[in-house]
Protein backbone atom coordinates (compact mmCIF):
# COMPACT_ATOMS: atom_id res chain seq x y z
CA MET A 1 -20.55 -19.23 -6.43
CA LEU A 2 -19.01 -15.88 -6.94
CA ALA A 3 -22.34 -14.18 -7.94
CA ALA A 4 -23.68 -11.69 -5.32
CA GLU A 5 -27.09 -13.16 -4.89
CA SER A 6 -28.14 -11.68 -1.53
CA LYS A 7 -29.54 -7.95 -1.81
CA VAL A 8 -27.19 -5.35 -0.61
CA VAL A 9 -28.15 -4.22 2.82
CA ALA A 10 -28.44 -0.40 2.88
CA PRO A 11 -26.89 0.59 6.22
CA GLY A 12 -29.36 3.76 6.26
CA THR A 13 -27.03 5.73 8.29
CA ASN A 14 -26.60 8.75 5.98
CA GLY A 15 -23.19 9.03 7.26
CA ALA A 16 -24.34 9.37 11.09
CA PRO A 17 -21.15 9.56 12.95
CA GLY A 18 -22.67 7.38 15.51
CA THR A 19 -22.54 4.22 13.63
CA ASP A 20 -19.74 1.78 14.20
CA PRO A 21 -17.58 2.01 11.05
CA ALA A 22 -16.47 -1.82 11.20
CA GLN A 23 -20.21 -2.80 11.43
CA PHE A 24 -21.09 -0.42 8.47
CA TRP A 25 -18.28 -1.94 6.50
CA LYS A 26 -19.56 -5.55 7.18
CA LEU A 27 -22.94 -4.73 6.27
CA LEU A 28 -21.68 -3.05 3.11
CA ALA A 29 -19.23 -5.86 1.96
CA ASN A 30 -21.46 -8.69 3.02
CA PRO A 31 -23.06 -9.39 -0.26
CA VAL A 32 -19.84 -9.60 -2.23
CA GLU A 33 -18.09 -11.50 0.61
CA PRO A 34 -17.62 -14.66 -1.47
CA PHE A 35 -15.92 -12.57 -4.01
CA LEU A 36 -13.51 -10.96 -1.50
CA HIS A 37 -12.72 -14.35 -0.28
CA ALA A 38 -11.98 -15.46 -3.54
CA VAL A 39 -9.58 -12.68 -3.94
CA THR A 40 -7.79 -13.28 -0.57
CA GLU A 41 -7.07 -16.93 -1.64
CA GLN A 42 -5.77 -16.00 -5.01
CA LEU A 43 -3.47 -13.35 -3.41
CA ILE A 44 -2.16 -16.08 -1.10
CA ARG A 45 -1.61 -18.29 -4.01
CA GLN A 46 0.15 -15.68 -5.83
CA ALA A 47 2.51 -15.16 -2.76
CA GLN A 48 3.60 -18.62 -3.51
CA ASP A 49 4.54 -18.02 -6.95
CA PHE A 50 7.56 -15.85 -6.02
CA ASP A 51 11.21 -17.33 -5.53
CA PRO A 52 11.34 -19.18 -2.40
CA GLU A 53 13.60 -16.88 -0.86
CA ILE A 54 11.13 -13.94 -1.42
CA VAL A 55 7.95 -15.88 -0.31
CA PRO A 56 8.25 -14.30 3.33
CA TYR A 57 7.84 -10.96 1.90
CA ALA A 58 5.09 -11.83 -0.39
CA GLN A 59 3.19 -13.40 2.38
CA HIS A 60 3.89 -10.38 4.66
CA ALA A 61 2.56 -8.05 1.97
CA LEU A 62 -0.31 -10.03 0.46
CA ASN A 63 -1.86 -11.53 3.81
CA GLY A 64 -1.88 -8.05 5.45
CA GLY A 65 -5.79 -7.88 5.44
CA GLY A 66 -7.25 -4.49 4.96
CA LYS A 67 -10.85 -3.64 3.70
CA HIS A 68 -9.85 -4.71 -0.03
CA LEU A 69 -11.67 -1.41 -0.98
CA ARG A 70 -10.51 -1.88 -4.55
CA PRO A 71 -11.55 -5.38 -5.04
CA THR A 72 -14.97 -4.40 -3.44
CA LEU A 73 -15.16 -1.74 -5.96
CA VAL A 74 -14.60 -4.44 -8.77
CA ALA A 75 -17.37 -6.60 -7.41
CA MET A 76 -19.87 -3.93 -7.03
CA ALA A 77 -19.16 -2.38 -10.51
CA ALA A 78 -19.40 -5.82 -12.15
CA SER A 79 -22.51 -6.73 -10.26
CA CYS A 80 -24.26 -3.71 -12.00
CA PHE A 81 -24.37 -5.88 -15.20
CA GLY A 82 -24.67 -9.49 -14.00
CA PRO A 83 -22.82 -12.19 -12.13
CA LEU A 84 -19.36 -12.21 -11.18
CA THR A 85 -16.78 -14.42 -12.77
CA GLU A 86 -13.22 -15.68 -12.37
CA ALA A 87 -11.98 -13.05 -14.81
CA HIS A 88 -13.38 -10.35 -12.42
CA VAL A 89 -11.40 -12.13 -9.47
CA LYS A 90 -8.33 -12.02 -11.43
CA SER A 91 -8.75 -8.42 -12.23
CA ALA A 92 -9.33 -7.45 -8.41
CA VAL A 93 -6.30 -9.65 -7.51
CA ILE A 94 -4.23 -7.58 -10.06
CA ILE A 95 -5.38 -4.37 -8.91
CA GLU A 96 -4.63 -5.12 -5.43
CA MET A 97 -1.19 -6.11 -6.10
CA VAL A 98 -0.60 -2.99 -7.78
CA HIS A 99 -2.02 -1.13 -4.79
CA LEU A 100 0.14 -3.06 -2.45
CA ALA A 101 3.35 -2.38 -4.48
CA THR A 102 2.59 1.48 -4.06
CA LEU A 103 2.08 1.07 -0.32
CA VAL A 104 5.36 -0.90 -0.18
CA HIS A 105 7.14 2.06 -1.80
CA ASP A 106 5.21 4.53 -0.04
CA ASP A 107 6.12 3.41 3.44
CA VAL A 108 10.06 3.45 2.15
CA MET A 109 9.56 7.16 1.11
CA ASP A 110 7.65 8.10 4.40
CA GLU A 111 9.77 6.05 6.60
CA ALA A 112 6.49 4.58 7.97
CA ARG A 113 6.97 1.72 10.61
CA ILE A 114 3.42 0.45 10.55
CA ARG A 115 0.83 -0.48 7.97
CA ARG A 116 -2.52 -2.13 8.67
CA GLY A 117 -1.47 -2.53 12.28
CA THR A 118 1.72 -4.57 11.44
CA PRO A 119 5.36 -3.61 10.85
CA THR A 120 5.86 -2.55 7.19
CA ILE A 121 8.31 -4.41 5.06
CA ALA A 122 10.78 -1.43 5.33
CA ALA A 123 10.70 -1.65 8.84
CA LYS A 124 10.92 -5.52 9.00
CA TRP A 125 13.59 -6.13 6.45
CA GLY A 126 14.95 -2.67 5.35
CA ASN A 127 14.24 -0.31 2.57
CA GLU A 128 16.49 -1.95 -0.08
CA ILE A 129 14.27 -5.11 0.29
CA ALA A 130 11.23 -3.14 0.28
CA VAL A 131 11.90 -1.29 -3.01
CA LEU A 132 12.82 -4.43 -4.89
CA PHE A 133 9.87 -6.20 -3.71
CA GLY A 134 7.63 -3.39 -4.62
CA ASP A 135 9.09 -3.67 -8.14
CA CYS A 136 8.40 -7.60 -7.95
CA LEU A 137 4.97 -6.79 -6.99
CA PHE A 138 4.39 -4.47 -10.03
CA ALA A 139 5.98 -7.04 -12.18
CA GLN A 140 3.92 -9.86 -11.04
CA ALA A 141 0.78 -7.78 -11.54
CA LEU A 142 1.53 -7.00 -15.25
CA LYS A 143 2.51 -10.81 -15.66
CA LEU A 144 -0.67 -11.84 -14.57
CA ALA A 145 -2.68 -9.07 -16.53
CA SER A 146 -1.04 -10.53 -19.71
CA SER A 147 -2.68 -13.93 -19.21
CA TYR A 148 -6.29 -12.38 -20.43
CA PRO A 149 -6.99 -13.24 -24.08
CA THR A 150 -7.23 -9.58 -24.92
CA PRO A 151 -4.40 -7.19 -24.40
CA GLU A 152 -6.78 -4.45 -23.27
CA VAL A 153 -6.52 -5.54 -19.74
CA CYS A 154 -2.71 -5.60 -19.54
CA ARG A 155 -2.63 -2.21 -21.48
CA ALA A 156 -5.12 -0.61 -19.07
CA VAL A 157 -3.18 -2.05 -15.86
CA ALA A 158 0.22 -0.61 -17.31
CA LEU A 159 -1.38 2.69 -18.01
CA ALA A 160 -2.83 2.91 -14.72
CA THR A 161 0.30 1.98 -12.82
CA ASN A 162 2.37 4.60 -14.96
CA THR A 163 -0.18 7.17 -13.92
CA VAL A 164 0.01 6.41 -10.19
CA CYS A 165 3.85 6.33 -10.11
CA SER A 166 3.79 9.74 -12.19
CA GLY A 167 1.32 11.11 -9.69
CA GLU A 168 3.63 10.16 -6.77
CA ILE A 169 6.66 11.68 -8.59
CA LEU A 170 4.74 15.20 -9.20
CA GLN A 171 3.67 15.03 -5.60
CA THR A 172 7.30 14.42 -4.43
CA GLN A 173 8.57 17.35 -6.57
CA GLN A 174 6.07 19.64 -4.91
CA ARG A 175 7.27 18.80 -1.34
CA GLY A 176 7.52 22.21 0.52
CA HIS A 177 6.35 24.30 -2.57
CA PHE A 178 2.81 25.53 -1.47
CA GLU A 179 1.92 27.43 -4.57
CA ALA A 180 2.56 24.67 -6.78
CA ALA A 181 0.89 21.97 -4.57
CA ARG A 182 -2.16 24.29 -4.22
CA ARG A 183 -2.67 24.51 -8.04
CA ASP A 184 -2.22 20.83 -8.73
CA TYR A 185 -3.55 19.09 -5.63
CA PHE A 186 -6.62 17.40 -7.03
CA ARG A 187 -4.89 16.66 -10.40
CA VAL A 188 -2.09 14.83 -8.10
CA ILE A 189 -4.40 13.00 -6.01
CA ASP A 190 -6.71 11.88 -8.84
CA MET A 191 -3.49 10.34 -10.40
CA LYS A 192 -1.88 8.71 -7.43
CA THR A 193 -5.35 7.44 -5.79
CA GLY A 194 -8.15 7.97 -7.93
CA GLU A 195 -6.58 6.11 -10.98
CA LEU A 196 -6.74 2.63 -9.13
CA PHE A 197 -10.35 3.39 -8.18
CA THR A 198 -11.07 4.24 -11.76
CA LEU A 199 -9.31 1.21 -13.05
CA SER A 200 -11.32 -1.08 -10.59
CA CYS A 201 -14.65 0.27 -11.96
CA ASP A 202 -13.46 0.35 -15.52
CA LEU A 203 -12.04 -3.28 -15.89
CA ALA A 204 -15.23 -4.69 -13.97
CA ALA A 205 -17.37 -3.11 -16.57
CA PHE A 206 -15.20 -3.98 -19.53
CA LEU A 207 -15.19 -7.53 -18.37
CA SER A 208 -19.02 -7.57 -18.01
CA GLY A 209 -19.47 -6.11 -21.64
CA ALA A 210 -21.18 -2.80 -20.39
CA SER A 211 -21.87 -0.25 -22.66
CA ALA A 212 -19.55 2.60 -23.44
CA ASP A 213 -21.74 5.06 -21.53
CA HIS A 214 -21.89 3.01 -18.71
CA ARG A 215 -18.26 2.12 -18.63
CA ALA A 216 -17.68 5.93 -18.69
CA ALA A 217 -20.00 6.62 -15.79
CA LEU A 218 -18.25 4.18 -13.72
CA ARG A 219 -14.88 5.44 -14.52
CA THR A 220 -16.08 8.89 -13.21
CA TYR A 221 -17.62 7.29 -10.17
CA GLY A 222 -14.25 5.69 -9.47
CA SER A 223 -12.10 8.94 -10.12
CA VAL A 224 -14.29 10.86 -7.82
CA VAL A 225 -14.67 8.44 -5.06
CA GLY A 226 -11.01 7.76 -5.12
CA THR A 227 -10.29 11.70 -4.91
CA ALA A 228 -12.55 11.76 -1.94
CA TYR A 229 -10.95 8.98 -0.28
CA GLN A 230 -7.42 10.59 -0.55
CA VAL A 231 -8.76 13.77 1.02
CA TYR A 232 -10.18 11.80 3.86
CA ASP A 233 -7.00 9.81 4.21
CA ASP A 234 -5.03 13.17 4.22
CA CYS A 235 -7.32 14.43 7.12
CA VAL A 236 -6.76 11.37 8.94
CA ASP A 237 -2.95 11.89 8.74
CA LEU A 238 -3.54 15.17 10.64
CA PHE A 239 -6.48 14.87 12.61
CA GLY A 240 -6.80 10.91 13.24
CA SER A 241 -5.32 8.47 15.61
CA GLU A 242 -2.75 5.53 15.06
CA SER A 243 -4.92 3.18 16.70
CA GLY A 244 -7.88 4.03 14.56
CA ALA A 245 -6.13 4.23 11.46
CA GLY A 246 -3.84 1.20 11.66
CA LYS A 247 -0.85 2.93 10.44
CA SER A 248 1.73 5.38 11.02
CA LEU A 249 0.31 8.96 11.11
CA GLY A 250 2.07 12.34 10.67
CA THR A 251 4.35 10.98 7.80
CA ASP A 252 3.03 13.56 5.40
CA LEU A 253 4.15 16.49 7.89
CA ALA A 254 7.46 14.60 8.36
CA LYS A 255 8.03 14.37 4.37
CA GLY A 256 6.70 17.73 3.67
CA LYS A 257 3.67 16.67 1.67
CA LEU A 258 1.21 19.21 1.41
CA THR A 259 -2.05 17.91 2.01
CA TRP A 260 -5.60 19.83 1.71
CA PRO A 261 -5.80 21.14 5.27
CA LEU A 262 -2.22 22.27 5.24
CA LEU A 263 -2.99 24.04 1.91
CA LEU A 264 -5.97 25.64 3.39
CA ALA A 265 -4.18 26.86 6.44
CA TRP A 266 -1.48 28.43 4.37
CA GLU A 267 -3.85 30.00 2.04
CA ARG A 268 -5.87 31.66 4.73
CA ALA A 269 -2.77 32.66 6.97
CA ASN A 270 -1.29 36.02 7.01
CA ALA A 271 2.26 36.62 5.70
CA LYS A 272 3.91 35.94 9.13
CA GLU A 273 2.05 32.67 9.67
CA ARG A 274 2.82 31.63 6.26
CA ALA A 275 6.46 32.12 6.53
CA SER A 276 6.26 30.20 10.02
CA LEU A 277 4.42 27.05 8.28
CA GLU A 278 6.62 27.24 5.34
CA HIS A 279 9.66 27.20 7.54
CA SER A 280 8.12 24.32 9.75
CA ILE A 281 7.41 22.12 6.90
CA LYS A 282 10.71 22.57 5.03
CA ASN A 283 12.82 22.10 8.50
CA TRP A 284 10.29 19.61 9.98
CA GLN A 285 10.85 18.65 13.61
CA PRO A 286 8.25 16.91 15.76
CA GLU A 287 8.31 19.98 18.22
CA TYR A 288 6.72 21.95 15.33
CA PHE A 289 3.66 20.20 15.50
CA PRO A 290 1.63 22.25 18.11
CA THR A 291 2.44 25.43 15.95
CA VAL A 292 1.08 23.81 12.98
CA ASN A 293 -1.62 22.27 14.52
CA ALA A 294 -2.69 25.78 16.05
CA LEU A 295 -3.01 27.09 12.36
CA LEU A 296 -5.02 24.15 11.35
CA VAL A 297 -7.43 24.76 14.25
CA LYS A 298 -7.29 28.62 13.82
CA TYR A 299 -8.50 28.48 10.42
CA GLU A 300 -11.01 25.48 10.89
CA THR A 301 -9.29 23.45 8.15
CA LEU A 302 -11.06 20.22 8.86
CA SER A 303 -14.65 21.59 8.25
CA PRO A 304 -13.88 22.79 4.62
CA SER A 305 -12.09 19.65 3.96
CA VAL A 306 -15.13 17.50 5.14
CA GLU A 307 -17.34 19.54 2.74
CA ILE A 308 -14.84 18.91 -0.09
CA ILE A 309 -15.31 15.22 0.47
CA SER A 310 -18.86 15.67 0.70
CA GLN A 311 -19.19 17.33 -2.60
CA TYR A 312 -17.12 14.59 -4.39
CA LEU A 313 -19.38 11.98 -2.96
CA ASP A 314 -22.26 13.84 -4.06
CA LYS A 315 -20.98 13.99 -7.57
CA ALA A 316 -20.07 10.03 -7.41
CA ARG A 317 -23.93 9.49 -6.56
CA GLN A 318 -24.98 11.39 -9.48
CA THR A 319 -22.84 9.54 -11.92
CA LEU A 320 -24.75 6.37 -10.96
CA ARG A 321 -28.18 7.84 -12.12
CA ASP A 322 -28.36 6.22 -15.46
CA LEU A 323 -27.17 2.65 -14.38
CA PRO A 324 -29.70 -0.04 -14.15
CA ALA A 325 -31.14 -0.87 -10.85
CA SER A 326 -29.06 -3.69 -9.36
CA SER A 327 -27.46 -4.81 -6.06
CA GLY A 328 -23.99 -3.52 -7.52
CA LYS A 329 -25.51 0.03 -7.94
CA GLU A 330 -26.90 0.07 -4.36
CA GLY A 331 -23.69 -1.10 -3.26
CA LEU A 332 -21.69 1.58 -4.80
CA LEU A 333 -24.20 4.21 -3.25
CA ASN A 334 -23.75 2.64 0.00
CA LEU A 335 -20.05 2.81 -0.38
CA THR A 336 -20.36 6.81 -0.63
CA ASP A 337 -22.28 6.66 2.47
CA PHE A 338 -19.75 4.56 4.17
CA LEU A 339 -16.90 7.20 3.19
CA SER A 340 -19.31 10.07 4.47
CA GLN A 341 -19.85 8.08 7.72
CA GLN A 342 -16.06 7.78 8.19
CA THR A 343 -15.40 11.40 7.30
CA GLY A 344 -18.30 12.24 10.01
CA VAL A 345 -16.35 10.06 12.70
CA LEU A 346 -13.10 12.16 12.17
CA ALA A 347 -14.90 15.41 12.32
CA VAL A 348 -16.66 14.47 15.78
CA SER A 349 -13.81 13.10 17.19
CA SER A 350 -11.30 15.80 16.33
């Protein structure tokens, strides 16, 4: 039942900004919809496995919707080699729980009030509950990973979780430090975002018995797509709208996170402008936004950011060349087109 038997429908937009993103995603995810439905059902069941007093937090976090991008990656990567199985579903649930745990903690650090169009756990129940519940999600994910007959799955999930948290620590250390952030930006976002994309593709390939070469190709695909996605998300925080994003925006500025557009503006600014930008970020107040935004516009930071995203997406497509023809490979290619389209929408609307 989980096998994606229908052919992937190629949206055929090539990133055209005029295409409706929701419709594009629906076409993209439709062939793996039974798999995503199974993941959602298991997430709901996982929520019931917590202590009764904790279930409301789990239900709020695990039933929050979203595109389930990482489970979609699992489904498409696995479909490159054969039918989808319950082992793939379980791996997608594990990765989604790790991802949700990082979001719960991110919302505490960023003081975000909205996530996926609803109040964050921190906003609804407070920071202490949110931090502890995020820890519970991590532990629950590792508990589920340990149920596989091989320790490799649990080891991979633990290593990926460690990498994600390490990336968050490095980014936190670099807040307000432009030179360090500029040097390590892509390394950090590969750790904090690319790693779970990589894990999604890698576990899918491993559980499907893929060859070492194909597994390595999918790991690279996950890494570069994850990096492209994070650059896009950083642009959304500066150039998007909360209604479109479904989450609090401007939190990167408020917390001194130095994202790619900001780093480009700093790199291109004169000494006086650099000093002004550094002061604004280190002593952030909402009234500083017009000054920061003026620099972002003056140095046209969105356009080169879009170009970087395009370069990573092109590299992702190249990594798939030697994979066998399949609905999964077609889906992975279409996913890069979806991210390109989303980026194009942002560029046109900004």
